[in-house]
Protein backbone atom coordinates (compact mmCIF):
# COMPACT_ATOMS: atom_id res chain seq x y z
CA MET A 1 0.00 -0.01 0.01
CA SER A 2 1.56 3.27 -1.15
CA PHE A 3 1.46 6.31 1.11
CA ALA A 4 3.17 9.63 1.69
CA MET A 5 4.33 10.79 5.09
CA SER A 6 6.27 14.01 5.46
CA TRP A 7 8.77 14.76 8.24
CA THR A 8 10.61 17.75 9.62
CA ASP A 9 14.17 17.16 10.90
CA LEU A 10 15.27 19.85 13.39
CA PHE A 11 18.86 19.86 14.77
CA CYS A 12 19.38 17.71 11.73
CA GLY A 13 23.22 17.75 11.71
CA ALA A 14 24.79 15.87 8.86
CA GLY A 15 21.57 13.95 8.21
CA GLY A 16 21.62 10.61 10.06
CA SER A 17 17.97 10.87 11.10
CA SER A 18 16.92 12.00 7.63
CA THR A 19 18.84 9.16 6.03
CA GLY A 20 17.06 6.65 8.23
CA ALA A 21 13.67 8.27 7.60
CA ILE A 22 13.78 7.98 3.83
CA GLN A 23 14.60 4.29 4.11
CA VAL A 24 10.97 3.78 5.17
CA PRO A 25 8.79 3.37 2.11
CA GLY A 26 6.75 6.48 1.38
CA VAL A 27 8.51 8.75 3.92
CA THR A 28 9.98 12.10 2.75
CA VAL A 29 11.86 14.76 4.70
CA ARG A 30 10.31 18.09 3.73
CA MET A 31 12.23 20.40 6.05
CA ALA A 32 15.63 20.26 7.82
CA ALA A 33 17.40 22.86 9.94
CA ASN A 34 20.61 23.18 11.91
CA HIS A 35 22.79 26.01 13.35
CA TRP A 36 26.08 24.88 11.73
CA ARG A 37 26.25 25.94 8.12
CA LEU A 38 28.65 23.21 7.12
CA ALA A 39 26.32 20.55 8.48
CA VAL A 40 23.44 22.09 6.56
CA GLN A 41 25.53 22.02 3.39
CA THR A 42 26.34 18.32 4.01
CA HIS A 43 22.65 17.59 4.56
CA ASN A 44 21.65 19.48 1.40
CA THR A 45 24.29 17.67 -0.68
CA ASN A 46 22.79 14.29 0.27
CA HIS A 47 19.13 15.32 0.49
CA PRO A 48 18.66 17.91 -2.29
CA ALA A 49 14.88 17.50 -2.36
CA THR A 50 14.57 18.75 1.25
CA ASP A 51 14.18 22.48 2.11
CA HIS A 52 16.96 23.68 4.37
CA ASP A 53 17.52 26.47 6.90
CA CYS A 54 20.70 27.42 8.76
CA ALA A 55 19.48 28.96 12.00
CA ASP A 56 19.70 28.93 15.75
CA LEU A 57 16.42 27.16 16.35
CA SER A 58 15.99 28.74 19.76
CA GLN A 59 15.58 32.04 17.93
CA VAL A 60 13.30 30.74 15.15
CA ASP A 61 9.54 31.45 15.05
CA PRO A 62 7.90 28.01 14.43
CA ARG A 63 5.67 29.64 11.83
CA ARG A 64 8.78 29.86 9.60
CA TYR A 65 8.59 26.14 8.86
CA PRO A 66 5.68 24.13 7.33
CA ARG A 67 3.64 21.65 9.27
CA THR A 68 4.42 18.00 8.52
CA ASP A 69 3.10 14.59 9.54
CA GLY A 70 6.01 14.04 11.89
CA ALA A 71 8.99 15.80 13.43
CA TRP A 72 12.33 14.48 14.53
CA PHE A 73 14.33 16.51 17.11
CA SER A 74 17.92 15.92 18.19
CA PRO A 75 18.53 18.77 20.63
CA GLU A 76 22.02 19.37 22.12
CA CYS A 77 22.96 16.83 24.75
CA THR A 78 25.97 18.56 26.27
CA ASN A 79 24.21 19.42 29.52
CA HIS A 80 22.97 15.88 29.93
CA SER A 81 25.88 13.70 28.93
CA GLN A 82 28.33 12.01 31.30
CA ALA A 83 31.09 14.16 29.77
CA LYS A 84 29.72 17.32 31.23
CA GLY A 85 32.06 18.94 33.76
CA ARG A 86 35.28 17.84 32.03
CA LYS A 87 37.57 20.69 31.14
CA ARG A 88 37.49 20.84 27.37
CA ASN A 89 38.48 23.26 24.68
CA ILE A 90 38.02 21.01 21.68
CA ASP A 91 36.77 23.62 19.20
CA ASN A 92 39.69 26.05 19.11
CA THR A 93 42.57 23.70 19.82
CA PRO A 94 44.33 22.24 16.71
CA ASP A 95 44.06 18.47 16.44
CA LEU A 96 46.70 16.00 15.27
CA PHE A 97 46.26 17.35 11.71
CA GLY A 98 46.61 21.02 12.74
CA GLU A 99 42.97 21.69 11.98
CA THR A 100 40.49 23.63 14.09
CA LEU A 101 36.72 23.95 14.07
CA PRO A 102 34.89 27.24 13.30
CA ASP A 103 33.13 29.10 16.11
CA GLU A 104 29.69 28.33 14.77
CA ALA A 105 30.33 24.61 15.27
CA ALA A 106 30.77 25.12 19.03
CA GLU A 107 28.53 23.30 21.44
CA ARG A 108 25.22 25.14 21.65
CA SER A 109 23.69 24.94 25.12
CA ARG A 110 20.89 27.38 24.12
CA ALA A 111 19.40 24.81 21.77
CA THR A 112 17.58 22.94 24.48
CA MET A 113 14.73 20.47 24.63
CA TRP A 114 12.30 23.31 25.35
CA ASP A 115 12.37 24.10 21.61
CA VAL A 116 10.74 20.69 21.03
CA LEU A 117 7.68 21.71 22.97
CA ARG A 118 7.61 25.17 21.41
CA PHE A 119 7.51 23.82 17.86
CA THR A 120 5.15 21.03 18.78
CA GLU A 121 2.70 23.44 20.43
CA HIS A 122 2.48 25.43 17.22
CA HIS A 123 2.41 22.67 14.60
CA ARG A 124 0.67 19.90 16.55
CA TYR A 125 2.56 17.26 14.65
CA PRO A 126 0.72 13.87 14.72
CA VAL A 127 4.03 12.24 15.68
CA VAL A 128 7.16 13.57 17.39
CA ILE A 129 10.40 11.71 18.09
CA VAL A 130 13.12 13.18 20.30
CA GLU A 131 16.65 11.67 20.41
CA ASN A 132 19.05 12.34 23.24
CA VAL A 133 21.56 10.65 25.57
CA VAL A 134 20.05 8.33 28.23
CA ASP A 135 21.16 10.72 30.96
CA ALA A 136 18.68 13.31 29.73
CA ALA A 137 16.04 11.46 31.74
CA LYS A 138 17.98 12.46 34.87
CA TRP A 139 17.57 16.15 34.06
CA VAL A 140 16.00 18.01 36.99
CA LEU A 141 13.32 19.45 34.67
CA TRP A 142 12.59 16.12 32.98
CA PRO A 143 9.18 15.66 34.74
CA SER A 144 8.15 19.22 33.78
CA TRP A 145 9.20 18.62 30.20
CA ARG A 146 7.21 15.39 29.99
CA ALA A 147 4.25 17.19 31.54
CA GLY A 148 4.38 19.66 28.69
CA PHE A 149 3.63 16.88 26.19
CA ASP A 150 0.77 15.69 28.32
CA ALA A 151 -0.70 19.15 28.42
CA LEU A 152 -0.50 19.31 24.61
CA GLY A 153 -2.49 16.08 24.28
CA TYR A 154 0.28 13.62 23.51
CA CYS A 155 0.93 10.09 24.69
CA LEU A 156 4.61 9.45 25.48
CA HIS A 157 6.70 6.29 25.08
CA ILE A 158 10.35 6.23 26.24
CA VAL A 159 12.60 3.87 24.32
CA TYR A 160 16.18 2.96 25.35
CA LEU A 161 17.78 1.51 22.28
CA ASN A 162 21.35 0.60 21.43
CA SER A 163 22.15 1.15 17.71
CA MET A 164 23.62 -2.31 17.38
CA HIS A 165 20.15 -3.72 18.03
CA ALA A 166 18.20 -1.50 15.52
CA GLN A 167 17.57 -4.45 13.16
CA ALA A 168 13.85 -4.62 12.39
CA GLY A 169 13.88 -2.73 9.16
CA GLY A 170 17.34 -3.65 7.88
CA MET A 171 20.95 -3.94 9.02
CA PRO A 172 21.92 -2.29 12.32
CA ALA A 173 24.96 -0.02 13.02
CA PRO A 174 28.22 -1.79 13.84
CA GLN A 175 28.49 0.34 16.92
CA SER A 176 27.33 0.11 20.49
CA ARG A 177 25.57 3.48 20.92
CA ASP A 178 23.03 3.79 23.69
CA ARG A 179 20.45 6.51 23.23
CA MET A 180 17.08 7.51 24.62
CA TYR A 181 14.18 8.11 22.17
CA VAL A 182 10.98 9.81 23.20
CA VAL A 183 8.15 8.79 20.89
CA ALA A 184 5.14 11.08 21.27
CA HIS A 185 1.88 10.83 19.31
CA ALA A 186 -1.51 12.53 19.51
CA LYS A 187 -3.66 10.67 22.04
CA LYS A 188 -6.40 10.28 19.49
CA THR A 189 -4.13 8.07 17.36
CA ARG A 190 -3.14 4.49 17.94
CA CYS A 191 -0.04 3.76 20.02
CA PRO A 192 2.86 2.38 17.89
CA ASP A 193 3.86 -1.19 18.46
CA LEU A 194 7.42 -0.28 19.58
CA ASN A 195 8.14 -3.78 20.86
CA ARG A 196 7.68 -5.11 17.33
CA TRP A 197 10.20 -2.59 15.94
CA THR A 198 12.79 -2.52 18.76
CA ARG A 199 13.12 -6.09 19.99
CA PRO A 200 16.06 -7.76 18.09
CA MET A 201 16.36 -11.37 17.11
CA ALA A 202 18.66 -13.60 19.19
CA TYR A 203 19.54 -17.28 19.41
CA CYS A 204 18.47 -19.00 22.54
CA PRO A 205 20.61 -22.04 23.34
CA GLY A 206 18.04 -23.34 25.81
CA CYS A 207 15.24 -23.31 23.23
CA ASP A 208 17.60 -24.07 20.34
CA GLU A 209 15.91 -21.48 18.17
CA PHE A 210 15.94 -17.83 17.18
CA VAL A 211 13.60 -15.74 19.28
CA ARG A 212 12.56 -12.09 19.37
CA ALA A 213 14.35 -11.05 22.57
CA MET A 214 12.65 -9.07 25.30
CA GLN A 215 14.22 -6.17 27.22
CA ALA A 216 14.70 -7.05 30.90
CA TRP A 217 15.70 -4.35 33.41
CA LYS A 218 18.04 -5.36 36.18
CA LYS A 219 15.97 -3.06 38.47
CA PRO A 220 12.37 -3.50 37.17
CA ASP A 221 11.19 -0.49 39.05
CA LYS A 222 13.76 1.74 37.30
CA ALA A 223 13.38 1.27 33.54
CA TRP A 224 16.26 3.51 32.55
CA GLY A 225 19.76 3.06 31.22
CA ARG A 226 22.19 1.32 28.88
CA TYR A 227 22.57 -2.12 27.44
CA ARG A 228 24.37 -4.52 29.77
CA ALA A 229 24.75 -1.89 32.57
CA GLN A 230 21.03 -1.51 33.33
CA TYR A 231 19.31 -4.03 31.10
CA VAL A 232 19.87 -7.24 29.18
CA TRP A 233 17.92 -9.20 26.56
CA ARG A 234 16.11 -12.37 27.54
CA CYS A 235 14.36 -15.19 25.76
CA PRO A 236 10.58 -14.66 25.95
CA ASN A 237 9.96 -18.41 26.47
CA VAL A 238 9.44 -19.69 30.02
CA ALA A 239 10.69 -23.17 29.07
CA CYS A 240 14.25 -21.92 29.32
CA ARG A 241 13.44 -19.75 32.31
CA ASN A 242 13.77 -16.61 30.21
CA GLN A 243 17.52 -17.05 29.97
CA VAL A 244 19.74 -14.13 28.97
CA VAL A 245 20.47 -14.11 25.25
CA GLU A 246 22.80 -12.01 23.04
CA PRO A 247 21.19 -10.48 19.98
CA GLY A 248 23.10 -10.73 16.69
CA TRP A 249 25.31 -7.77 15.80
CA LEU A 250 27.29 -6.38 12.89
CA PRO A 251 31.02 -6.55 13.67
CA ALA A 252 33.23 -3.45 13.71
CA ALA A 253 35.35 -5.22 11.06
CA SER A 254 32.58 -4.47 8.55
CA ALA A 255 33.29 -0.72 8.90
CA ILE A 256 37.07 -0.92 8.43
CA ASP A 257 38.73 -0.26 5.14
CA TRP A 258 41.17 -3.14 5.06
CA SER A 259 42.81 -1.82 1.86
CA LEU A 260 44.50 0.80 4.07
CA THR A 261 47.34 -0.93 5.87
CA GLY A 262 49.07 1.84 7.78
CA GLU A 263 52.76 2.34 8.65
CA ARG A 264 55.02 -0.03 10.56
CA ILE A 265 55.45 1.42 14.06
CA GLY A 266 59.20 0.74 14.02
CA ASP A 267 59.56 2.74 10.79
CA LYS A 268 57.74 5.88 12.02
CA ALA A 269 59.79 9.03 11.75
CA ARG A 270 58.00 10.40 14.80
CA PRO A 271 57.82 7.78 17.55
CA LEU A 272 54.55 7.21 19.33
CA ALA A 273 54.17 8.65 22.80
CA PRO A 274 55.44 6.31 25.56
CA LYS A 275 51.94 6.04 27.04
CA THR A 276 50.55 5.03 23.66
CA MET A 277 53.22 2.36 23.26
CA ALA A 278 52.56 1.08 26.71
CA ARG A 279 48.84 0.71 25.94
CA ILE A 280 49.59 -1.12 22.74
CA VAL A 281 51.89 -3.54 24.57
CA ALA A 282 49.20 -4.11 27.22
CA ALA A 283 46.58 -4.62 24.52
CA LEU A 284 48.71 -7.11 22.56
CA ASP A 285 49.38 -9.11 25.75
CA ARG A 286 45.69 -9.12 26.69
CA GLN A 287 44.32 -9.95 23.25
CA ALA A 288 46.96 -12.22 21.79
CA ARG A 289 44.87 -15.37 22.24
CA ILE A 290 42.13 -14.07 19.91
CA ALA A 291 44.38 -12.74 17.13
CA ALA A 292 42.15 -9.74 16.43
CA PRO A 293 42.78 -6.10 15.51
CA LEU A 294 42.58 -3.53 18.32
CA VAL A 295 41.44 0.02 18.75
CA VAL A 296 43.93 1.81 20.98
CA PRO A 297 43.63 5.26 22.66
CA MET A 298 46.10 7.94 21.70
CA GLU A 299 47.49 11.22 23.05
CA GLY A 300 48.65 9.82 26.43
CA ARG A 301 45.33 9.80 28.29
CA ASP A 302 45.64 7.98 31.58
CA GLY A 303 43.46 5.05 32.51
CA LYS A 304 42.40 4.23 29.01
CA GLN A 305 42.85 0.82 27.46
CA ALA A 306 42.79 -0.59 23.94
CA ILE A 307 39.95 -2.60 22.44
CA PRO A 308 39.84 -4.97 19.45
CA VAL A 309 38.22 -3.95 16.15
CA THR A 310 36.14 -7.08 16.32
CA ALA A 311 34.16 -5.20 18.91
CA VAL A 312 31.72 -2.47 18.05
CA LEU A 313 33.15 1.03 17.80
CA ARG A 314 32.55 3.28 20.67
CA THR A 315 29.93 5.88 20.02
CA GLN A 316 31.26 8.05 17.22
CA THR A 317 31.46 11.61 18.40
CA THR A 318 32.96 14.87 17.19
CA ARG A 319 36.72 14.56 17.84
CA ASN A 320 38.97 13.30 15.06
CA GLU A 321 41.55 11.45 17.14
CA ASN A 322 40.94 7.95 15.91
CA ALA A 323 43.21 5.29 14.60
CA LEU A 324 42.75 1.58 14.36
CA LEU A 325 44.92 -1.03 15.99
CA VAL A 326 45.39 -4.78 15.56
CA PRO A 327 44.80 -6.28 18.29
CA ALA A 328 42.77 -3.78 20.36
CA GLY A 329 41.30 -2.09 23.45
CA GLY A 330 39.41 1.10 24.41
CA THR A 331 39.30 4.35 26.34
CA TRP A 332 36.91 5.14 29.17
CA ASN A 333 35.20 1.91 28.09
CA ASP A 334 38.07 0.04 29.73
CA THR A 335 37.60 -3.58 28.70
CA GLY A 336 39.12 -5.16 25.61
CA THR A 337 36.91 -6.58 22.96
CA PRO A 338 37.55 -8.35 19.57
CA VAL A 339 36.72 -6.91 15.72
CA THR A 340 34.05 -9.64 15.46
CA GLU A 341 32.07 -7.60 17.98
CA VAL A 342 30.46 -4.22 17.50
CA MET A 343 32.42 -1.03 17.91
CA ARG A 344 32.21 0.56 21.28
CA THR A 345 30.98 4.05 22.19
CA ARG A 346 33.47 6.88 21.63
CA THR A 347 33.48 10.27 23.22
CA ALA A 348 34.61 13.58 21.82
CA THR A 349 38.04 13.45 23.42
CA GLU A 350 39.13 9.93 22.58
CA SER A 351 41.96 8.89 20.26
CA GLU A 352 42.11 5.43 18.74
CA ALA A 353 44.32 3.64 16.26
CA LEU A 354 44.40 0.46 14.21
CA VAL A 355 47.41 -1.78 14.67
CA ILE A 356 48.05 -4.92 12.61
CA PRO A 357 50.94 -7.28 13.58
CA LEU A 358 53.06 -7.94 10.50
CA CYS A 359 54.10 -11.34 11.93
CA ALA A 360 50.55 -12.56 11.99
CA ASN A 361 49.49 -15.02 9.35
CA ASN A 362 45.90 -13.76 9.30
CA THR A 363 44.68 -12.29 6.02
CA ALA A 364 42.84 -9.01 6.06
CA LYS A 365 39.75 -8.60 3.89
CA THR A 366 39.55 -5.83 1.38
CA THR A 367 36.57 -3.47 1.12
CA GLY A 368 35.40 -5.41 -1.85
CA GLN A 369 35.07 -8.66 0.03
CA VAL A 370 31.99 -9.81 1.96
CA PHE A 371 32.19 -9.42 5.70
CA ASP A 372 30.42 -11.62 8.19
CA THR A 373 26.76 -10.62 8.52
CA PHE A 374 26.00 -11.26 12.17
CA ALA A 375 27.74 -12.89 15.08
CA ALA A 376 25.03 -14.72 16.95
CA ALA A 377 26.74 -14.99 20.33
CA GLY A 378 30.21 -13.61 19.90
CA ASN A 379 31.83 -17.06 19.92
CA HIS A 380 32.44 -17.61 16.21
CA HIS A 381 35.58 -15.53 15.74
CA GLY A 382 39.10 -15.32 17.09
CA LEU A 383 40.91 -18.17 18.92
CA LEU A 384 41.44 -19.85 15.59
CA MET A 385 44.43 -17.97 14.09
CA PRO A 386 47.96 -18.04 15.44
CA TYR A 387 49.72 -14.67 15.85
CA TYR A 388 52.92 -15.72 14.29
CA GLY A 389 53.87 -17.83 11.30
CA ASN A 390 54.91 -21.12 12.96
CA ALA A 391 52.19 -21.22 15.59
CA THR A 392 49.75 -23.97 14.72
CA ALA A 393 46.79 -25.56 16.39
CA ARG A 394 47.49 -29.11 17.36
CA SER A 395 45.78 -32.09 18.87
CA THR A 396 46.53 -32.95 22.51
CA ASP A 397 47.90 -36.25 21.22
CA ASP A 398 50.70 -34.49 19.37
CA PRO A 399 54.08 -33.41 20.92
CA HIS A 400 54.19 -29.86 22.28
CA GLY A 401 55.77 -27.29 20.07
CA THR A 402 59.19 -25.78 20.78
CA PHE A 403 59.11 -23.16 23.58
CA THR A 404 60.57 -19.71 22.75
CA THR A 405 61.76 -16.79 24.81
CA ARG A 406 58.79 -14.62 23.70
CA ASP A 407 55.52 -14.40 25.72
CA ARG A 408 53.19 -17.02 24.39
CA TYR A 409 49.59 -17.89 25.10
CA ALA A 410 47.77 -21.12 24.86
CA LEU A 411 44.21 -22.37 25.06
CA VAL A 412 42.81 -25.84 25.38
CA MET A 413 39.80 -25.90 23.02
CA ARG A 414 36.88 -28.30 23.12
CA ASN A 415 35.86 -29.39 19.67
CA ASN A 416 32.48 -30.89 20.50
CA THR A 417 29.13 -29.17 20.72
CA SER A 418 28.66 -26.20 23.04
CA ASN A 419 26.00 -26.52 25.74
CA GLY A 420 26.03 -22.82 26.53
CA ASP A 421 27.10 -19.49 24.99
CA GLY A 422 30.44 -20.90 23.80
CA ALA A 423 32.50 -19.38 26.59
CA GLU A 424 32.93 -22.79 28.19
CA MET A 425 34.57 -24.20 25.05
CA SER A 426 38.07 -22.94 25.89
CA THR A 427 40.37 -23.10 28.96
CA PRO A 428 43.62 -21.17 29.53
CA VAL A 429 46.54 -23.52 30.10
CA GLY A 430 47.08 -21.89 33.45
CA GLU A 431 43.74 -23.32 34.70
CA PRO A 432 42.83 -26.91 35.41
CA LEU A 433 41.76 -29.02 32.48
CA ARG A 434 38.19 -30.05 32.23
CA THR A 435 37.32 -33.72 32.56
CA LEU A 436 39.06 -35.75 29.87
CA THR A 437 37.04 -38.38 28.06
CA THR A 438 37.84 -41.24 25.67
CA ALA A 439 36.66 -39.23 22.72
CA GLY A 440 39.78 -36.99 22.56
CA HIS A 441 37.85 -33.90 21.73
CA GLN A 442 40.25 -31.30 23.01
CA SER A 443 43.01 -29.49 21.19
CA LEU A 444 45.75 -26.93 21.99
CA LEU A 445 46.13 -23.53 20.42
CA GLU A 446 49.27 -21.44 21.00
CA TYR A 447 50.02 -17.78 20.33
CA GLU A 448 52.98 -15.44 20.66
CA THR A 449 52.73 -11.76 21.43
CA PRO A 450 54.01 -9.86 18.34
CA ALA A 451 56.58 -7.11 18.74
CA VAL A 452 55.03 -3.61 18.83
CA GLU A 453 57.59 -2.42 16.26
CA ASP A 454 56.26 -4.98 13.82
CA CYS A 455 52.67 -3.75 13.99
CA LEU A 456 51.09 -1.46 11.40
CA PHE A 457 49.54 1.74 12.66
CA ARG A 458 47.21 4.30 11.15
CA MET A 459 44.42 6.67 12.08
CA LEU A 460 40.78 5.85 11.51
CA GLU A 461 39.49 7.61 8.42
CA PRO A 462 36.21 9.60 8.14
CA HIS A 463 34.68 7.13 5.71
CA GLU A 464 35.28 4.31 8.20
CA ILE A 465 33.58 6.39 10.94
CA ALA A 466 30.69 6.96 8.52
CA ALA A 467 30.43 3.17 8.02
CA GLY A 468 30.59 2.70 11.74
CA MET A 469 27.63 5.07 12.09
CA ALA A 470 25.75 3.05 9.38
CA PHE A 471 25.54 5.86 6.85
CA THR A 472 24.82 4.59 3.36
CA PRO A 473 27.84 3.93 1.14
CA GLY A 474 28.92 7.04 -0.77
CA TYR A 475 27.36 9.45 1.74
CA VAL A 476 29.13 12.80 1.22
CA VAL A 477 30.34 14.68 4.32
CA LEU A 478 31.85 18.12 3.62
CA GLY A 479 34.69 19.92 5.38
CA ASN A 480 38.18 19.08 6.52
CA LYS A 481 38.97 15.83 8.33
CA ARG A 482 38.19 17.08 11.77
CA GLU A 483 34.94 18.78 10.65
CA ARG A 484 33.82 15.56 8.93
CA VAL A 485 34.48 13.47 12.07
CA ARG A 486 32.59 15.96 14.21
CA GLN A 487 29.53 15.88 11.89
CA LEU A 488 29.54 12.09 11.88
CA GLY A 489 30.07 11.70 15.60
CA ASN A 490 27.16 14.06 16.37
CA ALA A 491 24.85 12.28 14.02
CA VAL A 492 21.93 9.93 14.66
CA THR A 493 22.60 6.38 13.44
CA PRO A 494 20.21 5.89 10.49
CA PRO A 495 18.98 2.39 11.51
CA ALA A 496 17.55 3.69 14.77
CA ALA A 497 15.66 6.50 12.98
CA ARG A 498 14.48 4.06 10.33
CA ASP A 499 12.90 1.63 12.73
CA LEU A 500 11.32 4.17 15.03
CA ILE A 501 9.83 6.16 12.19
CA ALA A 502 8.57 2.94 10.65
CA ALA A 503 6.80 2.10 13.92
CA THR A 504 4.99 5.46 13.93
CA ALA A 505 4.06 5.20 10.31
CA GLU A 506 2.57 1.75 10.88
CA ALA A 507 0.55 3.10 13.80
CA LEU A 508 -0.95 5.77 11.51
CA GLY A 509 -2.19 3.02 9.18
CA HIS A 510 0.66 2.70 6.65
CA ASP A 511 1.96 -0.66 5.48
CA VAL A 512 5.69 -0.71 6.14
CA GLY A 513 6.36 -4.41 5.76
CA ASP A 514 6.88 -7.49 8.05
CA THR A 515 9.66 -7.15 10.64
CA ASP A 516 9.67 -10.91 11.35
CA ASP A 517 10.83 -11.75 7.82
CA LEU A 518 13.38 -8.91 7.76
CA ALA A 519 14.93 -9.71 11.14
CA ALA A 520 14.92 -13.46 10.80
CA GLY A 521 16.87 -13.20 7.62
CA GLN A 522 19.52 -11.12 9.36
CA ALA A 523 20.03 -13.17 12.53
CA VAL A 524 22.45 -15.59 10.87
CA ALA A 525 25.49 -16.79 12.78
CA ALA A 526 28.69 -15.69 11.12
């Protein structure tokens, strides 16, 4: 059934929300506005059919813009984010490339969430969606802000969604980005079936089938927060006692341009900072057993660790300090993760790099090759490749390999069927062996930590950040390197906008397709 649904995108930035909106059949973005001229130019380049306005929306009369069927708002989140209070001067300080940002790109605290109510009061949009950080719900005026929607005759639904799980209408973003979405609709209209559009598919080992996972809060009386920290996904079936499940994800490796190899660290004319080198060494030691690329923090920030590129990128933000490492770790997200996983959240002051050990016998994929679609439980990658040329997996019946003077790592791997999430299938050699049976189903894998000097190093490029944000291939972002990274980092991930807008369109009577068929086709183990 064909239909037309028009939207307004305010605080549109580079266009992530608009890009997601037009992926819903019949949806068009009629009007978009932002205070940063460069972001408006980027939006106009990619969405030429949309009318644009460069303006401080807190100073705009709502009558200036046309009424549409829906409105998406992404007001500034500076005063709500965890980063508030840190001493920063990121706009006028040259970055690693000697580039600075113009004054008009500075954080705009005046563009607040009150503008949402002001525009909604005038236009009475049938549907309104507001995107912000999860901490916005801790704002002291949050109850008053919500009451404003109630006074205007709207029904509110609060959605806490990680971009790696926005899978109902298509592929998700290969990034773990937690955000809060306020979905408001006129009380006279039907409530959208948000469960149908926000619950991802996951494999339940107990039921031995793919299920549509349900969000389960660790504190049921406090439905607020981030994935894993405040909530998990569970199987909806009672037969397995609603066991915790891990939805499929798109790995960070899918966003990396493997045709860019980087420079050997030992050959760099300008040595890396001692703290950066120390983090790389620690990351290599920690991640050697999975033989995966790592994302490592730069610029000597204390207390930050590297993460693998198999993990999701951290939330992409506005600071161009990224580089990719092989193997990897993180920054304020201080636990290492592999490239088979989604990228982790990044903040505006992080620096990361990609390092690839030259002594590894693993083969990098080029951008023209097909990447793994989904990892169903995170146990399908790593642990299979040695880090150096003569390290081979061997049966426990074979003689042990020659010991060297380099740090080495070994795992005893079970080769039979997993009865859990896969974590029980390997044992470090420093721990007791599991019970040995007559079937001989265990094998030994050994690894050696590569020398830091033999690793390749390069910064993360803007087009890789765009891929990590799930922008469509070929999306044009204008400006210098730092300006492009800032626009991308501030953007909404298109898959989240796509699925939430589809849910509201469906509630208004439009046929937007069957999520079961779409999601089931995506939840395929890599």
